[in-house]
PDB file of all heavy atoms in Angstrom:
ATOM      1  N   PRO A   1       2.246 -14.429  -7.276  1.00  0.00           N
ATOM      2  CA  PRO A   1       2.608 -13.390  -8.255  1.00  0.00           C
ATOM      3  C   PRO A   1       2.680 -13.943  -9.675  1.00  0.00           C
ATOM      4  O   PRO A   1       3.313 -14.975  -9.941  1.00  0.00           O
ATOM      5  CB  PRO A   1       3.979 -12.915  -7.759  1.00  0.00           C
ATOM      6  CG  PRO A   1       3.958 -13.183  -6.295  1.00  0.00           C
ATOM      7  CD  PRO A   1       3.174 -14.445  -6.134  1.00  0.00           C
ATOM      8  N   GLY A   2       1.979 -13.259 -10.578  1.00  0.00           N
ATOM      9  CA  GLY A   2       1.936 -13.668 -11.972  1.00  0.00           C
ATOM     10  C   GLY A   2       0.744 -14.515 -12.342  1.00  0.00           C
ATOM     11  O   GLY A   2       0.509 -14.755 -13.538  1.00  0.00           O
ATOM     12  N   GLU A   3      -0.060 -14.976 -11.376  1.00  0.00           N
ATOM     13  CA  GLU A   3      -1.198 -15.836 -11.669  1.00  0.00           C
ATOM     14  C   GLU A   3      -2.461 -15.004 -11.919  1.00  0.00           C
ATOM     15  O   GLU A   3      -2.561 -13.849 -11.486  1.00  0.00           O
ATOM     16  CB  GLU A   3      -1.425 -16.826 -10.531  1.00  0.00           C
ATOM     17  CG  GLU A   3      -0.298 -17.834 -10.364  1.00  0.00           C
ATOM     18  CD  GLU A   3      -0.589 -18.862  -9.285  1.00  0.00           C
ATOM     19  OE1 GLU A   3      -1.551 -18.647  -8.499  1.00  0.00           O
ATOM     20  OE2 GLU A   3       0.139 -19.868  -9.206  1.00  0.00           O
ATOM     21  N   THR A   4      -3.438 -15.649 -12.568  1.00  0.00           N
ATOM     22  CA  THR A   4      -4.685 -14.984 -12.956  1.00  0.00           C
ATOM     23  C   THR A   4      -5.864 -15.792 -12.441  1.00  0.00           C
ATOM     24  O   THR A   4      -5.852 -17.035 -12.481  1.00  0.00           O
ATOM     25  CB  THR A   4      -4.778 -14.836 -14.482  1.00  0.00           C
ATOM     26  OG1 THR A   4      -3.660 -14.074 -14.954  1.00  0.00           O
ATOM     27  CG2 THR A   4      -6.060 -14.127 -14.881  1.00  0.00           C
ATOM     28  N   TRP A   5      -6.897 -15.102 -11.998  1.00  0.00           N
ATOM     29  CA  TRP A   5      -8.131 -15.742 -11.530  1.00  0.00           C
ATOM     30  C   TRP A   5      -9.270 -15.311 -12.450  1.00  0.00           C
ATOM     31  O   TRP A   5      -9.541 -14.119 -12.617  1.00  0.00           O
ATOM     32  CB  TRP A   5      -8.399 -15.321 -10.081  1.00  0.00           C
ATOM     33  CG  TRP A   5      -9.638 -15.907  -9.470  1.00  0.00           C
ATOM     34  CD1 TRP A   5     -10.322 -17.008  -9.882  1.00  0.00           C
ATOM     35  CD2 TRP A   5     -10.337 -15.421  -8.325  1.00  0.00           C
ATOM     36  NE1 TRP A   5     -11.387 -17.261  -9.078  1.00  0.00           N
ATOM     37  CE2 TRP A   5     -11.426 -16.295  -8.085  1.00  0.00           C
ATOM     38  CE3 TRP A   5     -10.142 -14.343  -7.459  1.00  0.00           C
ATOM     39  CZ2 TRP A   5     -12.318 -16.107  -7.048  1.00  0.00           C
ATOM     40  CZ3 TRP A   5     -11.030 -14.157  -6.413  1.00  0.00           C
ATOM     41  CH2 TRP A   5     -12.110 -15.034  -6.204  1.00  0.00           C
ATOM     42  N   THR A   6      -9.968 -16.273 -13.046  1.00  0.00           N
ATOM     43  CA  THR A   6     -11.091 -15.993 -13.935  1.00  0.00           C
ATOM     44  C   THR A   6     -12.393 -16.195 -13.168  1.00  0.00           C
ATOM     45  O   THR A   6     -12.623 -17.276 -12.588  1.00  0.00           O
ATOM     46  CB  THR A   6     -11.066 -16.900 -15.161  1.00  0.00           C
ATOM     47  OG1 THR A   6      -9.822 -16.726 -15.863  1.00  0.00           O
ATOM     48  CG2 THR A   6     -12.225 -16.582 -16.099  1.00  0.00           C
ATOM     49  N   LEU A   7     -13.246 -15.181 -13.160  1.00  0.00           N
ATOM     50  CA  LEU A   7     -14.517 -15.253 -12.446  1.00  0.00           C
ATOM     51  C   LEU A   7     -15.593 -15.876 -13.315  1.00  0.00           C
ATOM     52  O   LEU A   7     -15.387 -16.160 -14.509  1.00  0.00           O
ATOM     53  CB  LEU A   7     -14.929 -13.855 -11.980  1.00  0.00           C
ATOM     54  CG  LEU A   7     -13.960 -13.148 -11.023  1.00  0.00           C
ATOM     55  CD1 LEU A   7     -14.522 -11.799 -10.623  1.00  0.00           C
ATOM     56  CD2 LEU A   7     -13.667 -13.992  -9.803  1.00  0.00           C
ATOM     57  N   ASP A   8     -16.785 -16.048 -12.717  1.00  0.00           N
ATOM     58  CA  ASP A   8     -17.867 -16.752 -13.408  1.00  0.00           C
ATOM     59  C   ASP A   8     -18.393 -16.029 -14.631  1.00  0.00           C
ATOM     60  O   ASP A   8     -18.970 -16.651 -15.528  1.00  0.00           O
ATOM     61  CB  ASP A   8     -19.003 -17.047 -12.425  1.00  0.00           C
ATOM     62  CG  ASP A   8     -19.522 -15.771 -11.760  1.00  0.00           C
ATOM     63  OD1 ASP A   8     -18.959 -14.688 -12.036  1.00  0.00           O
ATOM     64  OD2 ASP A   8     -20.469 -15.864 -10.957  1.00  0.00           O
ATOM     65  N   ASP A   9     -18.226 -14.697 -14.702  1.00  0.00           N
ATOM     66  CA  ASP A   9     -18.731 -13.951 -15.852  1.00  0.00           C
ATOM     67  C   ASP A   9     -17.654 -13.708 -16.897  1.00  0.00           C
ATOM     68  O   ASP A   9     -17.864 -12.931 -17.834  1.00  0.00           O
ATOM     69  CB  ASP A   9     -19.330 -12.616 -15.398  1.00  0.00           C
ATOM     70  CG  ASP A   9     -18.303 -11.704 -14.757  1.00  0.00           C
ATOM     71  OD1 ASP A   9     -17.192 -12.191 -14.426  1.00  0.00           O
ATOM     72  OD2 ASP A   9     -18.594 -10.507 -14.576  1.00  0.00           O
ATOM     73  N   GLY A  10     -16.505 -14.326 -16.725  1.00  0.00           N
ATOM     74  CA  GLY A  10     -15.430 -14.167 -17.690  1.00  0.00           C
ATOM     75  C   GLY A  10     -14.441 -13.071 -17.363  1.00  0.00           C
ATOM     76  O   GLY A  10     -13.406 -12.942 -18.038  1.00  0.00           O
ATOM     77  N   SER A  11     -14.721 -12.234 -16.359  1.00  0.00           N
ATOM     78  CA  SER A  11     -13.762 -11.207 -15.963  1.00  0.00           C
ATOM     79  C   SER A  11     -12.563 -11.859 -15.276  1.00  0.00           C
ATOM     80  O   SER A  11     -12.657 -12.974 -14.748  1.00  0.00           O
ATOM     81  CB  SER A  11     -14.424 -10.182 -15.044  1.00  0.00           C
ATOM     82  OG  SER A  11     -14.977 -10.814 -13.899  1.00  0.00           O
ATOM     83  N   LYS A  12     -11.427 -11.176 -15.294  1.00  0.00           N
ATOM     84  CA  LYS A  12     -10.180 -11.743 -14.790  1.00  0.00           C
ATOM     85  C   LYS A  12      -9.504 -10.788 -13.799  1.00  0.00           C
ATOM     86  O   LYS A  12      -9.608  -9.571 -13.940  1.00  0.00           O
ATOM     87  CB  LYS A  12      -9.224 -12.041 -15.951  1.00  0.00           C
ATOM     88  CG  LYS A  12      -9.751 -13.052 -16.958  1.00  0.00           C
ATOM     89  CD  LYS A  12      -8.746 -13.259 -18.077  1.00  0.00           C
ATOM     90  CE  LYS A  12      -9.275 -14.268 -19.101  1.00  0.00           C
ATOM     91  NZ  LYS A  12      -8.293 -14.498 -20.203  1.00  0.00           N
ATOM     92  N   LEU A  13      -8.811 -11.385 -12.866  1.00  0.00           N
ATOM     93  CA  LEU A  13      -7.994 -10.624 -11.917  1.00  0.00           C
ATOM     94  C   LEU A  13      -6.582 -11.197 -11.932  1.00  0.00           C
ATOM     95  O   LEU A  13      -6.386 -12.405 -11.715  1.00  0.00           O
ATOM     96  CB  LEU A  13      -8.567 -10.706 -10.501  1.00  0.00           C
ATOM     97  CG  LEU A  13      -7.784  -9.933  -9.441  1.00  0.00           C
ATOM     98  CD1 LEU A  13      -7.978  -8.421  -9.632  1.00  0.00           C
ATOM     99  CD2 LEU A  13      -8.185 -10.338  -8.027  1.00  0.00           C
ATOM    100  N   GLU A  14      -5.604 -10.343 -12.196  1.00  0.00           N
ATOM    101  CA  GLU A  14      -4.195 -10.754 -12.244  1.00  0.00           C
ATOM    102  C   GLU A  14      -3.451 -10.185 -11.029  1.00  0.00           C
ATOM    103  O   GLU A  14      -3.596  -9.002 -10.707  1.00  0.00           O
ATOM    104  CB  GLU A  14      -3.540 -10.266 -13.526  1.00  0.00           C
ATOM    105  CG  GLU A  14      -4.160 -10.796 -14.805  1.00  0.00           C
ATOM    106  CD  GLU A  14      -3.524 -10.183 -16.034  1.00  0.00           C
ATOM    107  OE1 GLU A  14      -2.374 -10.530 -16.350  1.00  0.00           O
ATOM    108  OE2 GLU A  14      -4.186  -9.316 -16.659  1.00  0.00           O
ATOM    109  N   PHE A  15      -2.672 -11.052 -10.412  1.00  0.00           N
ATOM    110  CA  PHE A  15      -1.813 -10.641  -9.293  1.00  0.00           C
ATOM    111  C   PHE A  15      -0.419 -10.397  -9.872  1.00  0.00           C
ATOM    112  O   PHE A  15       0.341 -11.331 -10.137  1.00  0.00           O
ATOM    113  CB  PHE A  15      -1.794 -11.719  -8.224  1.00  0.00           C
ATOM    114  CG  PHE A  15      -0.918 -11.421  -7.034  1.00  0.00           C
ATOM    115  CD1 PHE A  15      -0.628 -10.109  -6.666  1.00  0.00           C
ATOM    116  CD2 PHE A  15      -0.372 -12.448  -6.270  1.00  0.00           C
ATOM    117  CE1 PHE A  15       0.181  -9.820  -5.576  1.00  0.00           C
ATOM    118  CE2 PHE A  15       0.428 -12.182  -5.173  1.00  0.00           C
ATOM    119  CZ  PHE A  15       0.709 -10.865  -4.831  1.00  0.00           C
ATOM    120  N   LEU A  16      -0.082  -9.106 -10.079  1.00  0.00           N
ATOM    121  CA  LEU A  16       1.163  -8.742 -10.752  1.00  0.00           C
ATOM    122  C   LEU A  16       2.368  -8.734  -9.828  1.00  0.00           C
ATOM    123  O   LEU A  16       3.511  -8.770 -10.298  1.00  0.00           O
ATOM    124  CB  LEU A  16       1.009  -7.358 -11.405  1.00  0.00           C
ATOM    125  CG  LEU A  16      -0.148  -7.212 -12.403  1.00  0.00           C
ATOM    126  CD1 LEU A  16      -0.173  -5.799 -12.970  1.00  0.00           C
ATOM    127  CD2 LEU A  16      -0.019  -8.241 -13.510  1.00  0.00           C
ATOM    128  N   GLY A  17       2.152  -8.669  -8.532  1.00  0.00           N
ATOM    129  CA  GLY A  17       3.258  -8.585  -7.581  1.00  0.00           C
ATOM    130  C   GLY A  17       2.918  -7.635  -6.450  1.00  0.00           C
ATOM    131  O   GLY A  17       1.740  -7.328  -6.207  1.00  0.00           O
ATOM    132  N   THR A  18       3.926  -7.140  -5.761  1.00  0.00           N
ATOM    133  CA  THR A  18       3.704  -6.227  -4.648  1.00  0.00           C
ATOM    134  C   THR A  18       4.700  -5.076  -4.696  1.00  0.00           C
ATOM    135  O   THR A  18       5.757  -5.174  -5.336  1.00  0.00           O
ATOM    136  CB  THR A  18       3.851  -6.939  -3.282  1.00  0.00           C
ATOM    137  OG1 THR A  18       5.177  -7.435  -3.148  1.00  0.00           O
ATOM    138  CG2 THR A  18       2.845  -8.062  -3.136  1.00  0.00           C
ATOM    139  N   ARG A  19       4.324  -4.025  -4.029  1.00  0.00           N
ATOM    140  CA  ARG A  19       5.231  -2.906  -3.769  1.00  0.00           C
ATOM    141  C   ARG A  19       5.262  -2.666  -2.256  1.00  0.00           C
ATOM    142  O   ARG A  19       4.233  -2.817  -1.583  1.00  0.00           O
ATOM    143  CB  ARG A  19       4.741  -1.621  -4.452  1.00  0.00           C
ATOM    144  CG  ARG A  19       4.760  -1.615  -5.945  1.00  0.00           C
ATOM    145  CD  ARG A  19       4.427  -0.206  -6.422  1.00  0.00           C
ATOM    146  NE  ARG A  19       4.066  -0.148  -7.826  1.00  0.00           N
ATOM    147  CZ  ARG A  19       3.668   0.968  -8.431  1.00  0.00           C
ATOM    148  NH1 ARG A  19       3.585   2.096  -7.730  1.00  0.00           N
ATOM    149  NH2 ARG A  19       3.346   0.948  -9.711  1.00  0.00           N
ATOM    150  N   PRO A  20       6.414  -2.287  -1.698  1.00  0.00           N
ATOM    151  CA  PRO A  20       6.443  -1.954  -0.264  1.00  0.00           C
ATOM    152  C   PRO A  20       5.826  -0.580  -0.015  1.00  0.00           C
ATOM    153  O   PRO A  20       5.842   0.292  -0.895  1.00  0.00           O
ATOM    154  CB  PRO A  20       7.939  -1.951   0.069  1.00  0.00           C
ATOM    155  CG  PRO A  20       8.606  -1.615  -1.222  1.00  0.00           C
ATOM    156  CD  PRO A  20       7.749  -2.215  -2.309  1.00  0.00           C
ATOM    157  N   PHE A  21       5.271  -0.418   1.134  1.00  0.00           N
ATOM    158  CA  PHE A  21       4.797   0.906   1.545  1.00  0.00           C
ATOM    159  C   PHE A  21       5.355   1.226   2.924  1.00  0.00           C
ATOM    160  O   PHE A  21       5.737   0.323   3.693  1.00  0.00           O
ATOM    161  CB  PHE A  21       3.268   1.002   1.538  1.00  0.00           C
ATOM    162  CG  PHE A  21       2.568   0.214   2.612  1.00  0.00           C
ATOM    163  CD1 PHE A  21       2.481   0.704   3.922  1.00  0.00           C
ATOM    164  CD2 PHE A  21       1.972  -1.005   2.325  1.00  0.00           C
ATOM    165  CE1 PHE A  21       1.826  -0.005   4.911  1.00  0.00           C
ATOM    166  CE2 PHE A  21       1.318  -1.723   3.311  1.00  0.00           C
ATOM    167  CZ  PHE A  21       1.247  -1.227   4.604  1.00  0.00           C
ATOM    168  N   ALA A  22       5.420   2.511   3.236  1.00  0.00           N
ATOM    169  CA  ALA A  22       5.902   3.001   4.524  1.00  0.00           C
ATOM    170  C   ALA A  22       4.832   3.866   5.157  1.00  0.00           C
ATOM    171  O   ALA A  22       4.173   4.656   4.463  1.00  0.00           O
ATOM    172  CB  ALA A  22       7.193   3.799   4.365  1.00  0.00           C
ATOM    173  N   THR A  23       4.660   3.707   6.458  1.00  0.00           N
ATOM    174  CA  THR A  23       3.740   4.561   7.205  1.00  0.00           C
ATOM    175  C   THR A  23       4.537   5.691   7.825  1.00  0.00           C
ATOM    176  O   THR A  23       5.451   5.450   8.618  1.00  0.00           O
ATOM    177  CB  THR A  23       3.019   3.753   8.298  1.00  0.00           C
ATOM    178  OG1 THR A  23       2.379   2.627   7.702  1.00  0.00           O
ATOM    179  CG2 THR A  23       1.985   4.613   8.992  1.00  0.00           C
ATOM    180  N   LEU A  24       4.193   6.917   7.458  1.00  0.00           N
ATOM    181  CA  LEU A  24       4.946   8.104   7.878  1.00  0.00           C
ATOM    182  C   LEU A  24       4.113   8.946   8.819  1.00  0.00           C
ATOM    183  O   LEU A  24       2.893   9.083   8.644  1.00  0.00           O
ATOM    184  CB  LEU A  24       5.350   8.937   6.656  1.00  0.00           C
ATOM    185  CG  LEU A  24       6.101   8.206   5.532  1.00  0.00           C
ATOM    186  CD1 LEU A  24       6.406   9.180   4.405  1.00  0.00           C
ATOM    187  CD2 LEU A  24       7.367   7.560   6.052  1.00  0.00           C
ATOM    188  N   ALA A  25       4.774   9.497   9.808  1.00  0.00           N
ATOM    189  CA  ALA A  25       4.163  10.476  10.707  1.00  0.00           C
ATOM    190  C   ALA A  25       4.893  11.800  10.507  1.00  0.00           C
ATOM    191  O   ALA A  25       6.081  11.915  10.836  1.00  0.00           O
ATOM    192  CB  ALA A  25       4.253  10.021  12.160  1.00  0.00           C
ATOM    193  N   VAL A  26       4.197  12.763   9.957  1.00  0.00           N
ATOM    194  CA  VAL A  26       4.759  14.093   9.709  1.00  0.00           C
ATOM    195  C   VAL A  26       4.223  15.028  10.783  1.00  0.00           C
ATOM    196  O   VAL A  26       3.009  15.129  10.973  1.00  0.00           O
ATOM    197  CB  VAL A  26       4.379  14.604   8.305  1.00  0.00           C
ATOM    198  CG1 VAL A  26       5.099  15.904   7.995  1.00  0.00           C
ATOM    199  CG2 VAL A  26       4.696  13.548   7.256  1.00  0.00           C
ATOM    200  N   ARG A  27       5.122  15.702  11.482  1.00  0.00           N
ATOM    201  CA  ARG A  27       4.681  16.542  12.571  1.00  0.00           C
ATOM    202  C   ARG A  27       5.585  17.760  12.712  1.00  0.00           C
ATOM    203  O   ARG A  27       6.741  17.761  12.253  1.00  0.00           O
ATOM    204  CB  ARG A  27       4.633  15.777  13.888  1.00  0.00           C
ATOM    205  CG  ARG A  27       5.944  15.263  14.385  1.00  0.00           C
ATOM    206  CD  ARG A  27       5.787  14.377  15.619  1.00  0.00           C
ATOM    207  NE  ARG A  27       5.039  15.025  16.660  1.00  0.00           N
ATOM    208  CZ  ARG A  27       3.830  14.635  17.052  1.00  0.00           C
ATOM    209  NH1 ARG A  27       3.242  13.605  16.484  1.00  0.00           N
ATOM    210  NH2 ARG A  27       3.210  15.262  18.022  1.00  0.00           N
ATOM    211  N   HIS A  28       5.021  18.774  13.350  1.00  0.00           N
ATOM    212  CA  HIS A  28       5.775  19.990  13.691  1.00  0.00           C
ATOM    213  C   HIS A  28       5.413  20.385  15.105  1.00  0.00           C
ATOM    214  O   HIS A  28       4.237  20.605  15.420  1.00  0.00           O
ATOM    215  CB  HIS A  28       5.435  21.128  12.723  1.00  0.00           C
ATOM    216  CG  HIS A  28       6.044  22.447  13.112  1.00  0.00           C
ATOM    217  ND1 HIS A  28       7.407  22.642  13.208  1.00  0.00           N
ATOM    218  CD2 HIS A  28       5.470  23.636  13.457  1.00  0.00           C
ATOM    219  CE1 HIS A  28       7.647  23.883  13.588  1.00  0.00           C
ATOM    220  NE2 HIS A  28       6.494  24.505  13.745  1.00  0.00           N
ATOM    221  N   ASP A  29       6.406  20.430  15.958  1.00  0.00           N
ATOM    222  CA  ASP A  29       6.216  20.802  17.358  1.00  0.00           C
ATOM    223  C   ASP A  29       7.195  21.926  17.672  1.00  0.00           C
ATOM    224  O   ASP A  29       8.378  21.669  17.921  1.00  0.00           O
ATOM    225  CB  ASP A  29       6.453  19.601  18.275  1.00  0.00           C
ATOM    226  CG  ASP A  29       6.077  19.901  19.718  1.00  0.00           C
ATOM    227  OD1 ASP A  29       5.725  21.060  20.004  1.00  0.00           O
ATOM    228  OD2 ASP A  29       6.136  18.986  20.553  1.00  0.00           O
ATOM    229  N   PRO A  30       6.748  23.174  17.649  1.00  0.00           N
ATOM    230  CA  PRO A  30       7.689  24.295  17.829  1.00  0.00           C
ATOM    231  C   PRO A  30       8.276  24.384  19.230  1.00  0.00           C
ATOM    232  O   PRO A  30       9.252  25.099  19.440  1.00  0.00           O
ATOM    233  CB  PRO A  30       6.831  25.529  17.503  1.00  0.00           C
ATOM    234  CG  PRO A  30       5.429  25.099  17.791  1.00  0.00           C
ATOM    235  CD  PRO A  30       5.361  23.635  17.448  1.00  0.00           C
ATOM    236  N   THR A  31       7.709  23.693  20.191  1.00  0.00           N
ATOM    237  CA  THR A  31       8.190  23.809  21.572  1.00  0.00           C
ATOM    238  C   THR A  31       8.844  22.527  22.066  1.00  0.00           C
ATOM    239  O   THR A  31       9.012  22.360  23.275  1.00  0.00           O
ATOM    240  CB  THR A  31       7.021  24.175  22.498  1.00  0.00           C
ATOM    241  OG1 THR A  31       6.005  23.163  22.402  1.00  0.00           O
ATOM    242  CG2 THR A  31       6.419  25.517  22.116  1.00  0.00           C
ATOM    243  N   LYS A  32       9.226  21.631  21.178  1.00  0.00           N
ATOM    244  CA  LYS A  32       9.819  20.369  21.629  1.00  0.00           C
ATOM    245  C   LYS A  32      11.157  20.602  22.338  1.00  0.00           C
ATOM    246  O   LYS A  32      11.495  19.881  23.279  1.00  0.00           O
ATOM    247  CB  LYS A  32       9.989  19.411  20.462  1.00  0.00           C
ATOM    248  CG  LYS A  32      10.913  19.902  19.359  1.00  0.00           C
ATOM    249  CD  LYS A  32      10.980  18.897  18.217  1.00  0.00           C
ATOM    250  CE  LYS A  32      11.895  19.387  17.109  1.00  0.00           C
ATOM    251  NZ  LYS A  32      11.935  18.424  15.971  1.00  0.00           N
ATOM    252  N   THR A  33      11.918  21.615  21.892  1.00  0.00           N
ATOM    253  CA  THR A  33      13.182  21.909  22.570  1.00  0.00           C
ATOM    254  C   THR A  33      12.930  22.400  23.993  1.00  0.00           C
ATOM    255  O   THR A  33      13.644  22.014  24.934  1.00  0.00           O
ATOM    256  CB  THR A  33      13.972  22.962  21.777  1.00  0.00           C
ATOM    257  OG1 THR A  33      14.186  22.492  20.440  1.00  0.00           O
ATOM    258  CG2 THR A  33      15.318  23.233  22.421  1.00  0.00           C
ATOM    259  N   LEU A  34      11.913  23.228  24.154  1.00  0.00           N
ATOM    260  CA  LEU A  34      11.575  23.716  25.489  1.00  0.00           C
ATOM    261  C   LEU A  34      11.112  22.569  26.386  1.00  0.00           C
ATOM    262  O   LEU A  34      11.509  22.485  27.554  1.00  0.00           O
ATOM    263  CB  LEU A  34      10.487  24.789  25.387  1.00  0.00           C
ATOM    264  CG  LEU A  34       9.953  25.350  26.705  1.00  0.00           C
ATOM    265  CD1 LEU A  34      11.062  26.059  27.471  1.00  0.00           C
ATOM    266  CD2 LEU A  34       8.786  26.305  26.452  1.00  0.00           C
ATOM    267  N   VAL A  35      10.298  21.683  25.861  1.00  0.00           N
ATOM    268  CA  VAL A  35       9.817  20.545  26.658  1.00  0.00           C
ATOM    269  C   VAL A  35      10.970  19.624  27.029  1.00  0.00           C
ATOM    270  O   VAL A  35      11.063  19.145  28.166  1.00  0.00           O
ATOM    271  CB  VAL A  35       8.729  19.775  25.883  1.00  0.00           C
ATOM    272  CG1 VAL A  35       8.333  18.513  26.627  1.00  0.00           C
ATOM    273  CG2 VAL A  35       7.506  20.670  25.680  1.00  0.00           C
TER     274      VAL A  35
END
C-alpha cells in the first residue's frame, strides 16, 4: 500500500490500499414459513 509501479512506456500504477467487500444473497421466499 502506497507504492507505485512505473511501466516501460512511462505509465504508472499506484496501489492506494484496500476496501472490504461483502457478498450478499438477497432473496424472497413467500412459502418459507409453510416449508
